[in-house]
N, C-alpha and C. Protein backbone atom coordinates (compact mmCIF):
# COMPACT_ATOMS: atom_id res chain seq x y z
N MET A 1 -15.92 -10.69 7.50
CA MET A 1 -14.97 -10.01 6.96
C MET A 1 -14.34 -11.46 6.24
N THR A 2 -14.32 -10.93 4.65
CA THR A 2 -13.31 -11.98 4.23
C THR A 2 -11.96 -12.44 5.14
N ASP A 3 -11.27 -13.67 5.20
CA ASP A 3 -10.24 -14.35 6.34
C ASP A 3 -9.38 -14.03 5.10
N VAL A 4 -8.13 -13.12 5.71
CA VAL A 4 -7.02 -13.28 4.68
C VAL A 4 -6.07 -12.89 5.38
N THR A 5 -6.01 -13.90 6.54
CA THR A 5 -4.62 -14.64 7.06
C THR A 5 -3.73 -15.27 6.34
N ALA A 6 -4.14 -16.18 5.96
CA ALA A 6 -3.63 -17.30 4.83
C ALA A 6 -3.13 -16.80 4.02
N LEU A 7 -3.28 -15.32 3.31
CA LEU A 7 -2.75 -15.37 2.23
C LEU A 7 -1.37 -14.31 1.99
N THR A 8 -0.22 -14.44 1.74
CA THR A 8 0.91 -14.19 1.16
C THR A 8 1.01 -13.02 0.77
N ILE A 9 1.78 -11.74 1.34
CA ILE A 9 1.32 -10.26 1.13
C ILE A 9 2.97 -9.96 0.33
N ALA A 10 2.90 -9.51 -0.77
CA ALA A 10 4.16 -8.83 -2.06
C ALA A 10 4.15 -7.84 -1.28
N ILE A 11 5.12 -6.59 -0.73
CA ILE A 11 4.64 -5.13 -0.82
C ILE A 11 5.95 -4.78 -1.91
N LEU A 12 5.69 -4.34 -3.32
CA LEU A 12 7.02 -3.70 -4.01
C LEU A 12 7.21 -2.44 -3.56
N GLY A 13 8.72 -2.08 -3.59
CA GLY A 13 8.60 -0.89 -2.90
C GLY A 13 8.95 -1.15 -1.11
N GLY A 14 9.03 -2.39 -1.00
CA GLY A 14 8.97 -2.51 0.69
C GLY A 14 10.32 -2.04 1.19
N THR A 15 11.49 -1.82 0.71
CA THR A 15 12.43 -1.01 1.97
C THR A 15 11.93 0.79 1.86
N GLY A 16 10.91 0.73 1.60
CA GLY A 16 10.84 2.49 1.50
C GLY A 16 9.98 2.64 2.89
N GLY A 17 9.40 3.58 3.71
CA GLY A 17 9.09 4.02 4.32
C GLY A 17 7.85 3.51 4.58
N GLN A 18 7.04 3.74 3.68
CA GLN A 18 5.47 3.17 3.72
C GLN A 18 5.55 1.57 3.59
N GLY A 19 6.35 1.09 2.76
CA GLY A 19 6.49 -0.54 2.40
C GLY A 19 6.83 -1.36 3.87
N GLN A 20 7.75 -0.61 4.06
CA GLN A 20 8.09 -1.43 5.42
C GLN A 20 7.75 -0.93 6.65
N GLY A 21 6.78 -0.28 6.78
CA GLY A 21 5.46 0.15 7.81
C GLY A 21 4.45 -0.77 7.72
N LEU A 22 3.92 -0.93 6.27
CA LEU A 22 3.10 -2.28 6.11
C LEU A 22 3.68 -3.41 6.26
N ALA A 23 4.91 -3.65 5.92
CA ALA A 23 5.01 -4.93 5.83
C ALA A 23 4.96 -5.16 7.95
N TYR A 24 5.92 -4.54 8.41
CA TYR A 24 6.06 -4.47 10.02
C TYR A 24 4.59 -5.00 10.54
N ARG A 25 3.47 -4.37 10.16
CA ARG A 25 1.90 -4.35 10.90
C ARG A 25 1.47 -5.74 10.13
N PHE A 26 1.91 -5.81 8.98
CA PHE A 26 1.31 -7.16 8.56
C PHE A 26 1.65 -8.63 9.06
N ALA A 27 2.66 -8.03 9.35
CA ALA A 27 3.83 -9.62 9.98
C ALA A 27 3.06 -9.65 11.18
N ASN A 28 2.98 -9.06 11.77
CA ASN A 28 2.76 -8.43 13.21
C ASN A 28 1.37 -9.30 13.53
N ALA A 29 0.37 -9.28 12.61
CA ALA A 29 -1.05 -9.62 12.43
C ALA A 29 -0.58 -11.15 11.84
N GLY A 30 0.51 -11.31 11.76
CA GLY A 30 0.06 -13.08 11.30
C GLY A 30 0.47 -13.61 9.91
N VAL A 31 0.43 -12.98 9.22
CA VAL A 31 0.41 -13.08 7.74
C VAL A 31 2.14 -12.80 7.33
N SER A 32 2.16 -13.81 5.89
CA SER A 32 3.51 -13.67 5.88
C SER A 32 3.66 -12.70 4.62
N VAL A 33 4.78 -11.99 4.60
CA VAL A 33 4.76 -10.63 3.75
C VAL A 33 6.23 -11.52 2.87
N ILE A 34 6.28 -10.87 2.01
CA ILE A 34 7.78 -10.98 1.02
C ILE A 34 7.92 -9.44 0.97
N ILE A 35 9.45 -8.80 1.59
CA ILE A 35 9.34 -7.24 0.79
C ILE A 35 10.08 -7.43 -0.60
N GLY A 36 9.43 -6.94 -1.59
CA GLY A 36 10.29 -6.67 -2.37
C GLY A 36 11.03 -5.37 -3.08
N SER A 37 12.01 -6.07 -3.67
CA SER A 37 12.63 -4.26 -4.25
C SER A 37 13.35 -4.68 -5.49
N ARG A 38 13.91 -3.55 -6.01
CA ARG A 38 15.08 -3.84 -7.50
C ARG A 38 15.78 -4.45 -7.26
N ASP A 39 16.33 -4.34 -5.76
CA ASP A 39 18.03 -4.69 -5.43
C ASP A 39 17.61 -6.08 -4.32
N ALA A 40 17.50 -7.18 -5.21
CA ALA A 40 17.14 -8.35 -3.85
C ALA A 40 17.59 -8.58 -2.19
N GLU A 41 18.77 -7.99 -2.63
CA GLU A 41 20.36 -8.12 -1.39
C GLU A 41 19.60 -6.57 -0.80
N ARG A 42 19.14 -6.42 -0.80
CA ARG A 42 18.38 -4.92 -0.26
C ARG A 42 17.13 -5.12 0.47
N ALA A 43 16.56 -6.14 -0.61
CA ALA A 43 15.23 -6.74 0.56
C ALA A 43 15.53 -7.66 1.69
N HIS A 44 16.70 -8.23 1.12
CA HIS A 44 16.75 -9.21 2.31
C HIS A 44 17.42 -8.67 4.07
N THR A 45 18.11 -7.81 3.46
CA THR A 45 18.43 -6.69 4.52
C THR A 45 17.70 -6.03 5.24
N ALA A 46 16.62 -5.70 4.36
CA ALA A 46 15.06 -5.15 5.18
C ALA A 46 13.95 -6.08 5.86
N ALA A 47 14.62 -7.02 5.39
CA ALA A 47 13.33 -8.21 5.99
C ALA A 47 13.80 -8.84 7.47
N ASP A 48 15.62 -9.27 6.75
CA ASP A 48 15.94 -9.32 8.21
C ASP A 48 15.98 -8.33 9.81
N GLU A 49 16.08 -6.77 9.10
CA GLU A 49 15.61 -5.97 10.18
C GLU A 49 14.11 -6.50 10.73
N LEU A 50 13.19 -6.31 10.12
CA LEU A 50 12.41 -6.27 10.44
C LEU A 50 11.92 -7.77 11.08
N SER A 51 12.92 -8.58 10.81
CA SER A 51 12.10 -9.97 11.13
C SER A 51 12.74 -9.68 12.97
N GLY A 52 13.33 -9.33 13.34
CA GLY A 52 13.74 -8.92 14.93
C GLY A 52 12.80 -7.99 15.40
N ARG A 53 11.66 -7.46 15.32
CA ARG A 53 10.86 -6.75 15.78
C ARG A 53 9.54 -7.47 15.81
N ILE A 54 9.24 -8.22 14.76
CA ILE A 54 7.80 -8.67 14.43
C ILE A 54 7.54 -10.08 15.39
N THR A 55 6.11 -10.32 15.83
CA THR A 55 6.34 -11.70 16.69
C THR A 55 4.96 -12.30 16.11
N GLY A 56 4.52 -12.09 15.31
CA GLY A 56 3.55 -12.55 14.33
C GLY A 56 3.77 -13.68 13.04
N GLY A 57 4.13 -12.68 12.17
CA GLY A 57 4.40 -13.89 10.92
C GLY A 57 5.46 -14.04 10.40
N ARG A 58 5.72 -13.98 9.60
CA ARG A 58 7.14 -14.49 8.82
C ARG A 58 7.56 -12.94 8.00
N VAL A 59 8.56 -12.50 7.78
CA VAL A 59 9.32 -11.50 6.49
C VAL A 59 10.46 -12.27 5.87
N THR A 60 10.26 -12.12 4.59
CA THR A 60 11.38 -12.74 3.96
C THR A 60 11.83 -11.36 2.53
N GLY A 61 12.40 -11.17 1.91
CA GLY A 61 13.05 -10.74 0.93
C GLY A 61 12.98 -11.18 -0.13
N ALA A 62 13.13 -10.62 -1.46
CA ALA A 62 13.04 -11.01 -2.34
C ALA A 62 13.15 -9.93 -3.64
N SER A 63 13.36 -10.25 -4.98
CA SER A 63 13.53 -8.74 -5.86
C SER A 63 11.84 -8.73 -5.96
N ASN A 64 11.67 -7.59 -6.55
CA ASN A 64 10.37 -7.50 -7.16
C ASN A 64 9.33 -8.70 -7.60
N ALA A 65 10.16 -9.14 -8.88
CA ALA A 65 9.63 -10.01 -9.80
C ALA A 65 9.45 -11.26 -8.96
N GLY A 66 10.63 -12.07 -7.83
CA GLY A 66 10.08 -12.80 -7.19
C GLY A 66 9.22 -12.53 -6.55
N ALA A 67 9.16 -11.69 -5.57
CA ALA A 67 7.92 -11.61 -4.94
C ALA A 67 6.36 -11.02 -5.28
N ALA A 68 6.37 -10.79 -6.32
CA ALA A 68 5.31 -10.72 -7.06
C ALA A 68 5.16 -11.91 -7.50
N SER A 69 5.42 -13.12 -7.87
CA SER A 69 5.47 -14.30 -8.22
C SER A 69 4.91 -15.27 -7.27
N ALA A 70 5.59 -14.97 -6.16
CA ALA A 70 4.93 -15.86 -4.84
C ALA A 70 3.96 -15.55 -4.13
N ALA A 71 3.76 -14.05 -4.27
CA ALA A 71 2.47 -13.88 -3.55
C ALA A 71 1.42 -13.98 -3.66
N ASP A 72 -0.08 -14.07 -2.64
CA ASP A 72 -1.18 -13.67 -3.58
C ASP A 72 -1.82 -12.63 -3.71
N VAL A 73 -1.45 -11.65 -2.87
CA VAL A 73 -1.96 -9.92 -2.89
C VAL A 73 -0.44 -9.38 -3.19
N ILE A 74 -0.82 -8.10 -3.88
CA ILE A 74 1.00 -7.17 -4.11
C ILE A 74 0.25 -6.13 -3.61
N VAL A 75 1.17 -5.58 -3.19
CA VAL A 75 0.92 -3.96 -2.48
C VAL A 75 2.01 -3.35 -3.40
N VAL A 76 1.53 -1.80 -4.19
CA VAL A 76 2.57 -1.66 -5.02
C VAL A 76 3.48 -0.19 -4.22
N ALA A 77 4.27 0.04 -3.55
CA ALA A 77 4.56 1.10 -3.16
C ALA A 77 5.48 1.45 -3.28
N VAL A 78 6.09 1.89 -4.53
CA VAL A 78 7.13 2.29 -5.02
C VAL A 78 6.67 4.18 -5.36
N PRO A 79 7.83 4.76 -5.46
CA PRO A 79 7.50 5.93 -5.52
C PRO A 79 7.09 6.46 -6.93
N TRP A 80 6.36 7.48 -7.13
CA TRP A 80 5.26 7.45 -8.20
C TRP A 80 6.29 7.70 -9.64
N GLU A 81 7.65 7.87 -9.64
CA GLU A 81 8.11 8.53 -10.70
C GLU A 81 9.22 6.93 -11.04
N ALA A 82 8.70 5.99 -10.44
CA ALA A 82 9.05 3.99 -10.45
C ALA A 82 8.05 3.43 -10.94
N HIS A 83 6.81 4.32 -10.63
CA HIS A 83 5.71 3.27 -10.87
C HIS A 83 5.40 2.38 -12.54
N GLU A 84 5.30 3.83 -13.31
CA GLU A 84 4.91 2.56 -14.73
C GLU A 84 5.92 1.46 -14.91
N LYS A 85 7.65 2.06 -14.64
CA LYS A 85 8.62 1.17 -14.92
C LYS A 85 8.21 -0.09 -14.21
N THR A 86 8.18 -0.03 -12.86
CA THR A 86 7.93 -1.20 -12.26
C THR A 86 6.85 -2.40 -12.78
N LEU A 87 5.67 -1.72 -12.98
CA LEU A 87 4.28 -2.43 -13.21
C LEU A 87 5.05 -2.98 -14.57
N THR A 88 5.16 -2.11 -15.43
CA THR A 88 5.23 -2.69 -17.07
C THR A 88 6.14 -3.96 -17.23
N GLY A 89 7.45 -3.94 -16.17
CA GLY A 89 8.33 -5.40 -16.00
C GLY A 89 7.86 -6.53 -15.03
N LEU A 90 6.59 -5.95 -14.67
CA LEU A 90 6.13 -7.08 -13.70
C LEU A 90 4.79 -7.83 -14.16
N VAL A 91 4.05 -7.59 -15.74
CA VAL A 91 2.61 -8.11 -16.13
C VAL A 91 2.92 -9.41 -15.93
N THR A 92 3.90 -10.31 -16.34
CA THR A 92 3.29 -11.89 -16.40
C THR A 92 3.48 -12.49 -14.78
N GLU A 93 4.29 -11.62 -14.08
CA GLU A 93 4.35 -12.37 -12.26
C GLU A 93 2.76 -12.07 -11.69
N LEU A 94 2.48 -10.56 -12.26
CA LEU A 94 1.05 -10.17 -11.53
C LEU A 94 -0.48 -10.62 -12.13
N LYS A 95 -0.35 -11.54 -13.45
CA LYS A 95 -1.52 -12.19 -14.10
C LYS A 95 -2.10 -12.58 -13.24
N GLY A 96 -3.09 -12.45 -12.83
CA GLY A 96 -4.46 -12.86 -12.38
C GLY A 96 -4.39 -12.78 -11.04
N LYS A 97 -3.70 -11.39 -10.06
CA LYS A 97 -3.64 -11.39 -8.53
C LYS A 97 -4.17 -9.98 -8.37
N ILE A 98 -4.46 -10.00 -7.03
CA ILE A 98 -4.92 -8.88 -6.81
C ILE A 98 -3.87 -7.98 -6.13
N VAL A 99 -3.78 -6.42 -7.08
CA VAL A 99 -2.27 -5.80 -6.98
C VAL A 99 -3.05 -4.23 -6.16
N VAL A 100 -2.49 -4.04 -5.21
CA VAL A 100 -2.88 -3.07 -4.17
C VAL A 100 -2.35 -1.91 -4.74
N ASP A 101 -2.68 -0.46 -5.11
CA ASP A 101 -1.82 0.14 -5.36
C ASP A 101 -2.12 1.33 -4.39
N CYS A 102 -1.11 1.82 -3.73
CA CYS A 102 -0.99 3.05 -3.03
C CYS A 102 -0.38 4.62 -3.00
N VAL A 103 0.07 4.06 -4.09
CA VAL A 103 0.61 5.28 -5.03
C VAL A 103 0.38 6.73 -4.68
N ASN A 104 0.89 7.46 -4.67
CA ASN A 104 0.21 9.17 -4.61
C ASN A 104 0.63 9.88 -5.55
N PRO A 105 0.74 10.17 -6.85
CA PRO A 105 1.18 11.40 -7.88
C PRO A 105 1.43 12.42 -6.68
N MET A 106 2.65 12.90 -7.12
CA MET A 106 2.65 14.60 -6.09
C MET A 106 4.00 15.03 -6.58
N GLY A 107 3.63 16.25 -6.25
CA GLY A 107 5.37 16.77 -6.31
C GLY A 107 5.07 17.67 -5.03
N PHE A 108 6.73 18.53 -4.89
CA PHE A 108 6.96 19.45 -4.16
C PHE A 108 7.73 20.60 -4.44
N ASP A 109 7.12 21.79 -4.02
CA ASP A 109 7.94 22.82 -4.22
C ASP A 109 7.69 23.85 -2.83
N GLU A 110 8.51 24.95 -3.45
CA GLU A 110 8.81 26.07 -2.36
C GLU A 110 7.39 26.40 -1.43
N ARG A 111 5.85 26.04 -1.68
CA ARG A 111 4.64 26.03 -1.67
C ARG A 111 4.17 24.76 -0.92
N GLY A 112 5.00 24.08 -0.92
CA GLY A 112 4.64 22.77 -0.24
C GLY A 112 3.92 21.93 -1.41
N PRO A 113 3.25 20.50 -0.80
CA PRO A 113 3.17 19.38 -1.51
C PRO A 113 1.67 19.49 -2.71
N TYR A 114 1.62 19.15 -3.68
CA TYR A 114 0.49 19.32 -4.25
C TYR A 114 0.26 17.89 -5.31
N PRO A 115 -0.57 17.72 -5.87
CA PRO A 115 -0.96 16.62 -6.67
C PRO A 115 -0.55 16.69 -8.13
N LEU A 116 -0.03 15.75 -8.72
CA LEU A 116 0.43 15.69 -9.91
C LEU A 116 -0.96 14.92 -10.89
N LEU A 117 -0.75 15.73 -12.05
CA LEU A 117 -2.32 14.88 -12.88
C LEU A 117 -1.32 13.98 -13.80
N THR A 118 -2.01 13.08 -13.62
CA THR A 118 -1.68 12.24 -14.83
C THR A 118 -2.06 11.54 -15.80
N ASP A 119 -1.59 11.13 -16.86
CA ASP A 119 -2.79 10.96 -18.38
C ASP A 119 -3.60 10.03 -17.95
N ASP A 120 -3.98 9.09 -17.13
CA ASP A 120 -5.13 8.33 -16.52
C ASP A 120 -6.19 8.36 -15.64
N GLY A 121 -5.49 9.46 -15.12
CA GLY A 121 -6.40 9.95 -13.87
C GLY A 121 -5.88 9.85 -12.76
N SER A 122 -5.43 8.34 -12.57
CA SER A 122 -4.67 8.14 -11.41
C SER A 122 -3.34 7.20 -11.59
N ALA A 123 -2.84 6.80 -10.42
CA ALA A 123 -1.86 5.89 -10.33
C ALA A 123 -2.60 4.56 -10.53
N ALA A 124 -3.49 4.80 -9.77
CA ALA A 124 -4.04 2.81 -10.04
C ALA A 124 -5.16 2.50 -11.15
N GLU A 125 -5.62 3.98 -11.61
CA GLU A 125 -6.05 3.82 -13.22
C GLU A 125 -4.75 3.51 -14.10
N GLU A 126 -3.72 4.13 -14.01
CA GLU A 126 -2.21 3.81 -14.38
C GLU A 126 -1.98 2.18 -14.28
N ALA A 127 -2.48 1.41 -13.53
CA ALA A 127 -1.87 0.39 -13.06
C ALA A 127 -2.48 -0.65 -13.96
N ALA A 128 -4.25 -0.05 -13.92
CA ALA A 128 -5.47 -1.09 -14.49
C ALA A 128 -5.19 -1.38 -15.94
N ARG A 129 -4.50 0.19 -16.54
CA ARG A 129 -4.24 -0.31 -18.10
C ARG A 129 -3.20 -0.84 -18.09
N LEU A 130 -2.17 -0.94 -17.53
CA LEU A 130 -0.78 -1.51 -17.46
C LEU A 130 -0.90 -3.50 -17.40
N LEU A 131 -1.75 -3.27 -16.45
CA LEU A 131 -1.91 -4.46 -15.82
C LEU A 131 -3.48 -4.98 -16.44
N PRO A 132 -3.91 -5.57 -17.10
CA PRO A 132 -4.76 -5.70 -17.88
C PRO A 132 -5.25 -6.88 -17.20
N ASP A 133 -4.53 -8.15 -17.18
CA ASP A 133 -4.67 -9.39 -16.62
C ASP A 133 -4.66 -9.09 -15.09
N SER A 134 -4.45 -8.43 -14.14
CA SER A 134 -4.50 -8.51 -12.86
C SER A 134 -6.30 -7.94 -12.42
N THR A 135 -6.36 -7.54 -11.13
CA THR A 135 -7.50 -6.98 -10.44
C THR A 135 -6.52 -6.28 -9.54
N VAL A 136 -6.81 -4.75 -10.02
CA VAL A 136 -6.40 -3.52 -9.62
C VAL A 136 -6.82 -3.06 -8.13
N VAL A 137 -6.49 -2.93 -7.10
CA VAL A 137 -7.38 -2.10 -6.21
C VAL A 137 -6.92 -1.01 -5.45
N ALA A 138 -6.90 -0.19 -5.49
CA ALA A 138 -6.44 1.34 -4.65
C ALA A 138 -6.67 1.34 -3.58
N ALA A 139 -5.77 1.92 -2.24
CA ALA A 139 -6.05 2.11 -0.64
C ALA A 139 -4.88 2.14 -0.01
N PHE A 140 -4.96 2.33 0.88
CA PHE A 140 -3.70 2.54 2.15
C PHE A 140 -2.61 4.30 1.74
N HIS A 141 -3.56 4.97 0.78
CA HIS A 141 -2.82 6.07 0.81
C HIS A 141 -2.25 7.22 1.55
N HIS A 142 -3.55 6.84 2.90
CA HIS A 142 -3.56 7.99 4.04
C HIS A 142 -3.15 7.53 5.27
N VAL A 143 -1.77 6.14 4.97
CA VAL A 143 -1.43 5.67 6.15
C VAL A 143 -0.21 6.01 6.48
N SER A 144 0.57 6.68 8.11
CA SER A 144 1.18 7.65 8.06
C SER A 144 2.76 6.18 8.32
N ALA A 145 3.46 6.83 7.47
CA ALA A 145 5.20 5.57 7.74
C ALA A 145 5.44 5.74 9.24
N VAL A 146 5.34 6.70 9.36
CA VAL A 146 6.07 7.04 11.06
C VAL A 146 5.10 6.06 12.12
N LEU A 147 3.98 6.24 12.03
CA LEU A 147 2.91 5.66 12.74
C LEU A 147 3.16 3.90 12.60
N LEU A 148 3.64 3.72 11.14
CA LEU A 148 3.10 1.86 10.94
C LEU A 148 4.03 1.36 11.82
N SER A 149 5.34 1.84 11.56
CA SER A 149 6.79 1.25 12.23
C SER A 149 6.98 2.00 13.47
N ASP A 150 6.48 2.39 14.27
CA ASP A 150 6.62 2.97 15.34
C ASP A 150 5.82 1.84 15.97
N PRO A 151 6.50 1.22 17.02
CA PRO A 151 5.87 -0.60 17.80
C PRO A 151 5.58 0.15 19.21
N THR A 152 5.22 1.54 19.51
CA THR A 152 4.25 1.45 20.60
C THR A 152 3.33 2.64 20.24
N VAL A 153 2.96 2.51 18.82
CA VAL A 153 1.65 2.59 18.33
C VAL A 153 0.66 2.00 18.07
N SER A 154 -0.23 1.97 19.53
CA SER A 154 -1.27 0.26 19.57
C SER A 154 -2.52 0.59 18.89
N ASP A 155 -2.64 2.09 18.50
CA ASP A 155 -4.18 2.14 17.53
C ASP A 155 -3.64 3.13 16.54
N LEU A 156 -4.12 2.71 15.10
CA LEU A 156 -3.66 3.88 14.47
C LEU A 156 -4.46 4.70 13.81
N ASP A 157 -5.88 4.77 14.42
CA ASP A 157 -6.94 5.92 14.67
C ASP A 157 -7.29 5.88 13.30
N LEU A 158 -7.34 5.53 11.93
CA LEU A 158 -7.89 5.78 10.65
C LEU A 158 -8.72 4.94 10.06
N ASP A 159 -9.08 5.18 8.80
CA ASP A 159 -10.18 4.46 8.29
C ASP A 159 -9.28 4.60 6.68
N VAL A 160 -9.15 3.27 5.97
CA VAL A 160 -8.58 3.19 4.79
C VAL A 160 -9.44 3.08 3.47
N LEU A 161 -9.71 3.66 2.99
CA LEU A 161 -10.45 3.87 1.51
C LEU A 161 -9.95 3.08 0.69
N VAL A 162 -11.30 1.79 0.31
CA VAL A 162 -10.56 0.68 -0.88
C VAL A 162 -11.65 1.07 -2.13
N LEU A 163 -10.86 1.64 -3.06
CA LEU A 163 -11.64 1.57 -4.40
C LEU A 163 -11.48 0.31 -5.63
N GLY A 164 -12.56 0.01 -6.07
CA GLY A 164 -12.06 -0.93 -7.10
C GLY A 164 -13.06 -1.46 -7.65
N GLU A 165 -12.89 -2.20 -8.80
CA GLU A 165 -14.10 -2.52 -9.68
C GLU A 165 -14.50 -4.18 -9.51
N GLU A 166 -13.73 -4.94 -8.92
CA GLU A 166 -14.41 -6.54 -8.38
C GLU A 166 -14.83 -6.28 -6.47
N ARG A 167 -16.20 -6.79 -6.26
CA ARG A 167 -16.52 -6.89 -4.76
C ARG A 167 -15.56 -7.65 -3.93
N SER A 168 -15.55 -8.78 -4.46
CA SER A 168 -13.88 -9.89 -4.44
C SER A 168 -13.21 -9.52 -3.34
N ALA A 169 -12.33 -8.63 -4.56
CA ALA A 169 -11.30 -8.00 -4.05
C ALA A 169 -11.24 -6.79 -3.58
N THR A 170 -12.23 -5.77 -3.62
CA THR A 170 -12.48 -5.27 -2.38
C THR A 170 -12.42 -5.27 -0.93
N ASP A 171 -12.78 -6.80 -1.13
CA ASP A 171 -13.40 -7.00 0.18
C ASP A 171 -11.99 -7.98 0.94
N THR A 172 -11.57 -8.22 0.10
CA THR A 172 -10.53 -8.91 0.66
C THR A 172 -9.25 -7.73 1.15
N VAL A 173 -9.54 -6.66 -0.09
CA VAL A 173 -8.34 -5.37 0.62
C VAL A 173 -9.03 -4.73 1.91
N GLN A 174 -10.09 -4.96 2.25
CA GLN A 174 -10.68 -4.01 2.97
C GLN A 174 -10.46 -5.00 4.44
N ALA A 175 -10.56 -6.31 4.02
CA ALA A 175 -10.30 -7.27 5.59
C ALA A 175 -8.30 -7.41 6.16
N LEU A 176 -7.86 -6.94 4.27
CA LEU A 176 -6.63 -6.59 4.92
C LEU A 176 -6.02 -5.36 5.95
N ALA A 177 -6.78 -3.98 5.40
CA ALA A 177 -6.80 -3.24 6.47
C ALA A 177 -7.13 -3.44 7.82
N GLU A 178 -8.32 -3.92 8.18
CA GLU A 178 -8.85 -4.43 8.72
C GLU A 178 -7.43 -5.60 10.13
N LEU A 179 -6.89 -5.81 9.54
CA LEU A 179 -5.55 -6.18 10.21
C LEU A 179 -4.73 -5.13 10.92
N LEU A 180 -4.76 -3.81 10.45
CA LEU A 180 -4.09 -2.92 11.40
C LEU A 180 -4.72 -2.51 12.30
N PRO A 181 -3.74 -2.40 13.43
CA PRO A 181 -4.61 -2.17 14.70
C PRO A 181 -5.33 -0.59 14.72
N GLY A 182 -6.73 -0.13 14.75
CA GLY A 182 -7.39 0.47 15.01
C GLY A 182 -7.56 1.45 13.36
N VAL A 183 -7.95 0.03 12.54
CA VAL A 183 -7.83 0.33 11.01
C VAL A 183 -9.47 -0.10 10.85
N ARG A 184 -10.12 0.94 9.72
CA ARG A 184 -11.35 0.07 9.22
C ARG A 184 -11.37 0.08 7.53
N GLY A 185 -11.32 -0.71 6.81
CA GLY A 185 -11.35 -0.60 5.39
C GLY A 185 -12.87 -0.19 4.98
N ILE A 186 -12.83 0.76 4.24
CA ILE A 186 -14.46 1.27 3.69
C ILE A 186 -13.95 1.45 2.57
N PHE A 187 -15.35 0.95 1.35
CA PHE A 187 -15.33 1.07 0.35
C PHE A 187 -15.71 2.30 -0.03
N GLY A 188 -14.73 3.04 -0.87
CA GLY A 188 -15.19 4.02 -1.69
C GLY A 188 -15.20 4.55 -2.56
N GLY A 189 -15.67 3.59 -3.71
CA GLY A 189 -15.99 3.98 -4.67
C GLY A 189 -15.32 2.61 -6.04
N ARG A 190 -15.22 3.18 -7.11
CA ARG A 190 -14.74 2.38 -8.02
C ARG A 190 -13.48 2.89 -8.55
N LEU A 191 -12.68 2.92 -9.34
CA LEU A 191 -11.28 3.20 -9.60
C LEU A 191 -11.05 4.45 -10.06
N ARG A 192 -12.00 4.70 -10.82
CA ARG A 192 -12.33 6.20 -11.46
C ARG A 192 -12.44 7.26 -10.34
N ASN A 193 -12.59 7.17 -9.67
CA ASN A 193 -12.58 7.77 -7.83
C ASN A 193 -11.67 7.92 -7.48
N ALA A 194 -10.18 6.97 -7.61
CA ALA A 194 -8.93 6.90 -7.55
C ALA A 194 -8.69 8.31 -7.02
N GLY A 195 -8.21 9.42 -8.31
CA GLY A 195 -8.02 10.54 -8.25
C GLY A 195 -7.71 11.51 -7.11
N GLN A 196 -8.82 11.46 -6.95
CA GLN A 196 -9.44 12.51 -5.54
C GLN A 196 -8.35 11.87 -4.21
N VAL A 197 -8.64 10.87 -4.24
CA VAL A 197 -8.32 10.20 -3.01
C VAL A 197 -7.07 9.90 -2.87
N GLU A 198 -5.65 9.78 -4.10
CA GLU A 198 -4.49 10.00 -4.25
C GLU A 198 -4.39 11.31 -3.87
N ALA A 199 -4.73 12.27 -4.49
CA ALA A 199 -4.71 13.84 -3.99
C ALA A 199 -4.82 14.11 -3.03
N LEU A 200 -5.74 13.57 -1.98
CA LEU A 200 -5.80 14.36 -0.50
C LEU A 200 -4.79 14.19 0.10
N THR A 201 -3.72 12.98 -0.29
CA THR A 201 -2.74 12.56 0.59
C THR A 201 -1.74 14.29 0.52
N ALA A 202 -2.17 15.01 -0.09
CA ALA A 202 -1.32 16.20 -0.53
C ALA A 202 -1.68 17.09 0.76
N ASN A 203 -3.13 17.39 0.94
CA ASN A 203 -3.31 17.38 1.93
C ASN A 203 -3.49 17.45 3.39
N LEU A 204 -3.31 16.21 3.33
CA LEU A 204 -3.28 15.68 4.92
C LEU A 204 -1.36 16.13 4.84
N ILE A 205 -0.43 16.10 4.10
CA ILE A 205 0.68 16.67 4.38
C ILE A 205 1.11 18.19 4.58
N ALA A 206 -0.03 18.66 4.39
CA ALA A 206 0.00 20.10 4.45
C ALA A 206 -0.43 20.26 5.56
N VAL A 207 -1.09 19.20 6.48
CA VAL A 207 -1.47 18.99 7.63
C VAL A 207 -1.14 19.21 8.65
N ASN A 208 -0.26 18.13 8.38
CA ASN A 208 0.97 17.14 9.39
C ASN A 208 2.07 18.24 9.42
N ARG A 209 2.21 18.97 8.65
CA ARG A 209 3.24 19.75 8.61
C ARG A 209 3.29 21.07 9.16
N ARG A 210 1.95 21.45 9.32
CA ARG A 210 1.47 22.65 10.31
C ARG A 210 1.14 22.56 11.23
N TYR A 211 0.69 21.14 11.68
CA TYR A 211 -0.10 21.10 13.01
C TYR A 211 1.41 19.93 13.68
N LYS A 212 1.93 19.83 13.21
CA LYS A 212 3.20 18.55 13.71
C LYS A 212 2.86 17.18 14.00
N THR A 213 1.80 16.91 13.18
CA THR A 213 1.60 15.61 13.64
C THR A 213 1.20 14.25 12.34
N HIS A 214 0.95 13.46 12.58
CA HIS A 214 0.76 12.78 11.32
C HIS A 214 -0.73 11.75 11.44
N ALA A 215 -1.75 13.06 10.79
CA ALA A 215 -2.91 13.14 10.55
C ALA A 215 -3.54 11.73 9.52
N GLY A 216 -4.46 11.37 10.05
CA GLY A 216 -5.03 10.13 8.68
C GLY A 216 -6.34 10.93 8.39
N ILE A 217 -7.29 9.82 7.91
CA ILE A 217 -9.08 10.26 8.26
C ILE A 217 -9.63 9.88 8.69
N ARG A 218 -11.25 9.69 9.12
CA ARG A 218 -12.30 8.89 9.51
C ARG A 218 -13.02 9.34 8.94
N ILE A 219 -13.85 8.28 8.07
CA ILE A 219 -15.31 8.83 7.84
C ILE A 219 -16.52 8.78 9.11
N THR A 220 -17.28 9.24 9.09
CA THR A 220 -18.43 9.35 10.22
C THR A 220 -19.31 8.75 9.71
N GLY A 221 -20.29 8.72 10.32
CA GLY A 221 -21.34 8.14 10.19
C GLY A 221 -22.29 6.13 10.02
N LEU A 222 -20.85 5.91 9.90
CA LEU A 222 -20.82 4.10 9.45
C LEU A 222 -20.42 3.59 10.95
């Protein structure tokens, strides 16, 4: 598996639950992490709070643009509503880099969560359209923010589906996934298959609400 420990990872939307959880786990694995936010001060505050909890790598904060410019791999963990605006404003900073999209377009009503139809077919495909000079990979859609942030959880016990067009990029993201304890990175196809992976998150939320847990997924036979 690709050695990714020397990479710097930026997490756009890193002050949210999933973003902070990924930052915590990557940093504890010894990787340098930059938390990005629209509000740089908020990002610095979040990084300072995380720094007191990690024993491995380094966590710093910056604006989304600053984080994207300084990192090798960028994880997009912003809300769906902010997805297009965030990426459109960072085309230059993200040029030539691996961009990992973990955004799930979802809505909620009185009947529960449901996937939203998107013009491009998925958030990842929208990212690929908006960032023609970046290499977009879809991953980390089904990782519980609660489990990521809980220091008592030593085994996340799940597989991360990784989708993309370039083998070297998906190999890199699979290796990043396997820095998380108890996680396997599994190639899940090309970006055109990202829509159903994103949509599955609605099913998992429904499962978790019914059974009061934080379920993920496992691929059998591998």
